[in-house]
């Protein structure tokens, strides 16, 4: 029995893995005994130069009604090459139908589901070079007939029929609320 126990201890020591509880340098920080890898050392060496700063994204108009299809403008708080955008993803009940880059904006044709959840919609924009920008609550979905952000209907919400997502030509949006179509097409 003693031989087996002794053999087990000898095998354990060959692995080089012995765990023991001992304070480190008296300051309760992690240390491997070499003086390298002290807590906070990596932060002093990180300049943050390779981290892209957040990009402020805004949509105009920023309010769409349930069942509406409209053209909106996505703008940034600094110059952006919108022609490099490869994908636009919304986290809400709406579908991007078309995307047109311009010098100072990205035009998007969006279709809101007739039964879309009311409230803010988040957005992720991806570019050719792998950059991605996140915008929280960039667009708000309101009940059909609410009249948009200011109640006048003149903000692209289509509530007055004059700008109902068909290029400002009047009439109603192309979304069919009875069939559940996306309005794209």
Protein backbone atom coordinates (compact mmCIF):
# COMPACT_ATOMS: atom_id res chain seq x y z
CA UNK A 1 0.00 0.00 0.00
CA UNK A 2 2.83 2.38 0.86
CA UNK A 3 4.57 1.55 -2.39
CA UNK A 4 1.45 2.43 -4.41
CA UNK A 5 1.02 5.73 -2.55
CA UNK A 6 4.69 6.56 -3.03
CA UNK A 7 4.49 5.71 -6.74
CA UNK A 8 1.43 7.98 -7.14
CA UNK A 9 3.24 10.89 -5.47
CA UNK A 10 6.29 10.33 -7.66
CA UNK A 11 4.13 10.30 -10.81
CA UNK A 12 2.34 13.48 -9.72
CA UNK A 13 5.64 15.30 -9.25
CA UNK A 14 6.83 14.27 -12.74
CA UNK A 15 3.87 16.15 -14.25
CA UNK A 16 5.11 19.39 -12.72
CA UNK A 17 1.68 20.43 -11.58
CA UNK A 18 1.45 21.00 -7.87
CA UNK A 19 -1.16 23.37 -6.52
CA UNK A 20 -0.53 25.07 -3.23
CA UNK A 21 -1.93 28.10 -1.47
CA UNK A 22 0.62 30.83 -0.85
CA UNK A 23 0.33 34.62 -0.86
CA UNK A 24 1.98 36.38 -3.80
CA UNK A 25 4.45 39.16 -3.04
CA UNK A 26 2.32 40.31 -0.11
CA UNK A 27 0.02 42.45 -2.29
CA UNK A 28 -2.58 39.83 -3.18
CA UNK A 29 -2.09 40.21 -6.96
CA UNK A 30 -1.48 37.38 -9.38
CA UNK A 31 2.13 36.45 -9.99
CA UNK A 32 3.94 33.52 -11.53
CA UNK A 33 7.05 34.35 -9.52
CA UNK A 34 8.97 35.83 -12.46
CA UNK A 35 7.73 39.38 -12.00
CA UNK A 36 6.11 39.32 -15.45
CA UNK A 37 2.36 39.37 -15.97
CA UNK A 38 1.49 41.54 -13.01
CA UNK A 39 -2.07 42.81 -13.05
CA UNK A 40 -2.40 45.97 -15.13
CA UNK A 41 0.91 45.64 -16.99
CA UNK A 42 -0.82 44.91 -20.31
CA UNK A 43 -2.98 48.02 -20.00
CA UNK A 44 0.08 50.28 -19.91
CA UNK A 45 1.37 48.79 -23.17
CA UNK A 46 -1.97 48.99 -25.02
CA UNK A 47 -2.19 52.27 -26.93
CA UNK A 48 -5.60 51.53 -28.41
CA UNK A 49 -4.41 52.70 -31.83
CA UNK A 50 -5.95 49.74 -33.64
CA UNK A 51 -9.39 50.16 -32.09
CA UNK A 52 -11.93 51.98 -34.27
CA UNK A 53 -13.81 54.71 -32.45
CA UNK A 54 -17.59 54.49 -32.34
CA UNK A 55 -19.43 56.00 -35.27
CA UNK A 56 -22.56 57.99 -34.53
CA UNK A 57 -25.30 56.87 -36.93
CA UNK A 58 -28.63 58.67 -37.38
CA UNK A 59 -31.67 57.90 -39.54
CA UNK A 60 -33.89 60.51 -41.15
CA UNK A 61 -36.76 60.01 -40.63
CA UNK A 62 -36.22 58.06 -37.43
CA UNK A 63 -39.83 56.88 -37.09
CA UNK A 64 -41.76 54.43 -39.30
CA UNK A 65 -45.26 53.02 -38.85
CA UNK A 66 -46.28 49.36 -38.84
CA UNK A 67 -46.91 48.10 -42.38
CA UNK A 68 -45.08 51.03 -43.99
CA UNK A 69 -42.46 50.95 -46.73
CA UNK A 70 -40.31 54.08 -46.94
CA UNK A 71 -36.99 55.48 -48.09
CA UNK A 72 -34.79 56.64 -45.20
CA UNK A 73 -31.39 58.30 -45.07
CA UNK A 74 -28.60 56.91 -42.88
CA UNK A 75 -26.01 59.58 -41.98
CA UNK A 76 -22.89 59.56 -39.82
CA UNK A 77 -21.32 62.12 -37.50
CA UNK A 78 -18.09 62.01 -39.54
CA UNK A 79 -17.21 61.31 -43.21
CA UNK A 80 -17.84 57.71 -44.30
CA UNK A 81 -17.28 56.02 -47.66
CA UNK A 82 -20.80 54.62 -47.99
CA UNK A 83 -19.85 52.73 -51.18
CA UNK A 84 -17.91 50.22 -49.04
CA UNK A 85 -21.03 49.13 -47.10
CA UNK A 86 -21.74 45.47 -47.82
CA UNK A 87 -24.53 44.67 -45.36
CA UNK A 88 -27.09 46.43 -43.21
CA UNK A 89 -28.83 44.38 -40.51
CA UNK A 90 -31.75 45.61 -38.43
CA UNK A 91 -32.71 43.97 -35.15
CA UNK A 92 -36.46 44.46 -35.37
CA UNK A 93 -39.42 43.57 -37.57
CA UNK A 94 -38.36 45.36 -40.73
CA UNK A 95 -36.68 44.38 -43.96
CA UNK A 96 -34.14 46.39 -45.96
CA UNK A 97 -35.35 46.24 -49.59
CA UNK A 98 -32.73 48.37 -51.33
CA UNK A 99 -29.54 50.26 -50.54
CA UNK A 100 -28.07 53.23 -52.46
CA UNK A 101 -24.78 54.84 -51.32
CA UNK A 102 -24.30 58.58 -51.86
CA UNK A 103 -21.49 60.95 -50.91
CA UNK A 104 -22.89 61.95 -47.52
CA UNK A 105 -25.58 59.34 -46.83
CA UNK A 106 -26.78 55.82 -47.42
CA UNK A 107 -30.34 55.66 -48.75
CA UNK A 108 -32.29 52.61 -47.61
CA UNK A 109 -35.71 51.41 -48.66
CA UNK A 110 -37.19 49.74 -45.59
CA UNK A 111 -40.38 47.75 -45.17
CA UNK A 112 -41.88 47.43 -41.69
CA UNK A 113 -43.94 44.32 -40.96
CA UNK A 114 -47.66 45.04 -40.41
CA UNK A 115 -47.51 43.35 -36.99
CA UNK A 116 -44.05 44.71 -36.05
CA UNK A 117 -43.16 45.10 -32.38
CA UNK A 118 -43.35 48.74 -31.38
CA UNK A 119 -40.24 50.53 -30.12
CA UNK A 120 -36.59 51.01 -30.98
CA UNK A 121 -34.71 49.07 -33.64
CA UNK A 122 -30.94 48.48 -33.50
CA UNK A 123 -28.71 48.49 -36.56
CA UNK A 124 -25.40 46.93 -37.61
CA UNK A 125 -23.58 48.24 -40.71
CA UNK A 126 -20.76 46.13 -42.19
CA UNK A 127 -18.13 47.27 -44.72
CA UNK A 128 -15.84 45.59 -47.28
CA UNK A 129 -12.78 45.94 -45.06
CA UNK A 130 -14.42 44.13 -42.14
CA UNK A 131 -15.44 47.15 -40.07
CA UNK A 132 -18.81 47.01 -38.36
CA UNK A 133 -20.74 49.79 -36.65
CA UNK A 134 -23.55 49.30 -34.14
CA UNK A 135 -26.30 51.87 -33.57
CA UNK A 136 -28.81 51.36 -30.79
CA UNK A 137 -32.41 52.58 -31.25
CA UNK A 138 -31.56 54.21 -34.58
CA UNK A 139 -35.17 53.83 -35.74
CA UNK A 140 -38.50 53.64 -33.92
CA UNK A 141 -41.55 51.67 -35.02
CA UNK A 142 -44.90 53.22 -34.10
CA UNK A 143 -48.49 52.07 -34.55
CA UNK A 144 -49.97 52.58 -37.98
CA UNK A 145 -51.80 55.91 -38.09
CA UNK A 146 -49.75 57.57 -35.32
CA UNK A 147 -48.53 60.20 -37.79
CA UNK A 148 -44.80 59.80 -37.25
CA UNK A 149 -42.52 61.57 -34.82
CA UNK A 150 -44.24 64.98 -34.82
CA UNK A 151 -47.76 63.90 -35.71
CA UNK A 152 -47.81 65.92 -38.95
CA UNK A 153 -47.06 63.02 -41.24
CA UNK A 154 -44.54 65.19 -43.11
CA UNK A 155 -41.54 63.32 -41.76
CA UNK A 156 -41.58 60.31 -44.08
CA UNK A 157 -44.01 58.31 -41.98
CA UNK A 158 -46.69 58.45 -44.66
CA UNK A 159 -49.47 59.31 -42.24
CA UNK A 160 -50.79 62.08 -44.49
CA UNK A 161 -50.34 60.04 -47.69
CA UNK A 162 -47.94 62.59 -49.20
CA UNK A 163 -44.70 60.77 -48.51
CA UNK A 164 -45.69 57.19 -47.96
CA UNK A 165 -42.53 55.41 -48.99
CA UNK A 166 -43.00 55.58 -52.74
CA UNK A 167 -40.59 58.38 -53.45
CA UNK A 168 -42.85 61.16 -52.18
CA UNK A 169 -45.42 60.57 -54.93
CA UNK A 170 -48.38 60.34 -52.54
CA UNK A 171 -50.78 57.46 -52.09
CA UNK A 172 -50.29 54.52 -49.79
CA UNK A 173 -47.32 52.34 -49.07
CA UNK A 174 -46.74 49.19 -51.05
CA UNK A 175 -47.03 46.94 -48.03
CA UNK A 176 -50.03 44.62 -47.98
CA UNK A 177 -51.06 44.20 -44.37
CA UNK A 178 -53.47 41.37 -45.09
CA UNK A 179 -51.05 39.07 -46.86
CA UNK A 180 -48.11 39.67 -44.53
CA UNK A 181 -45.76 40.56 -47.39
CA UNK A 182 -42.64 42.54 -46.69
CA UNK A 183 -43.48 45.34 -49.13
CA UNK A 184 -40.19 44.78 -50.98
CA UNK A 185 -40.69 44.10 -54.60
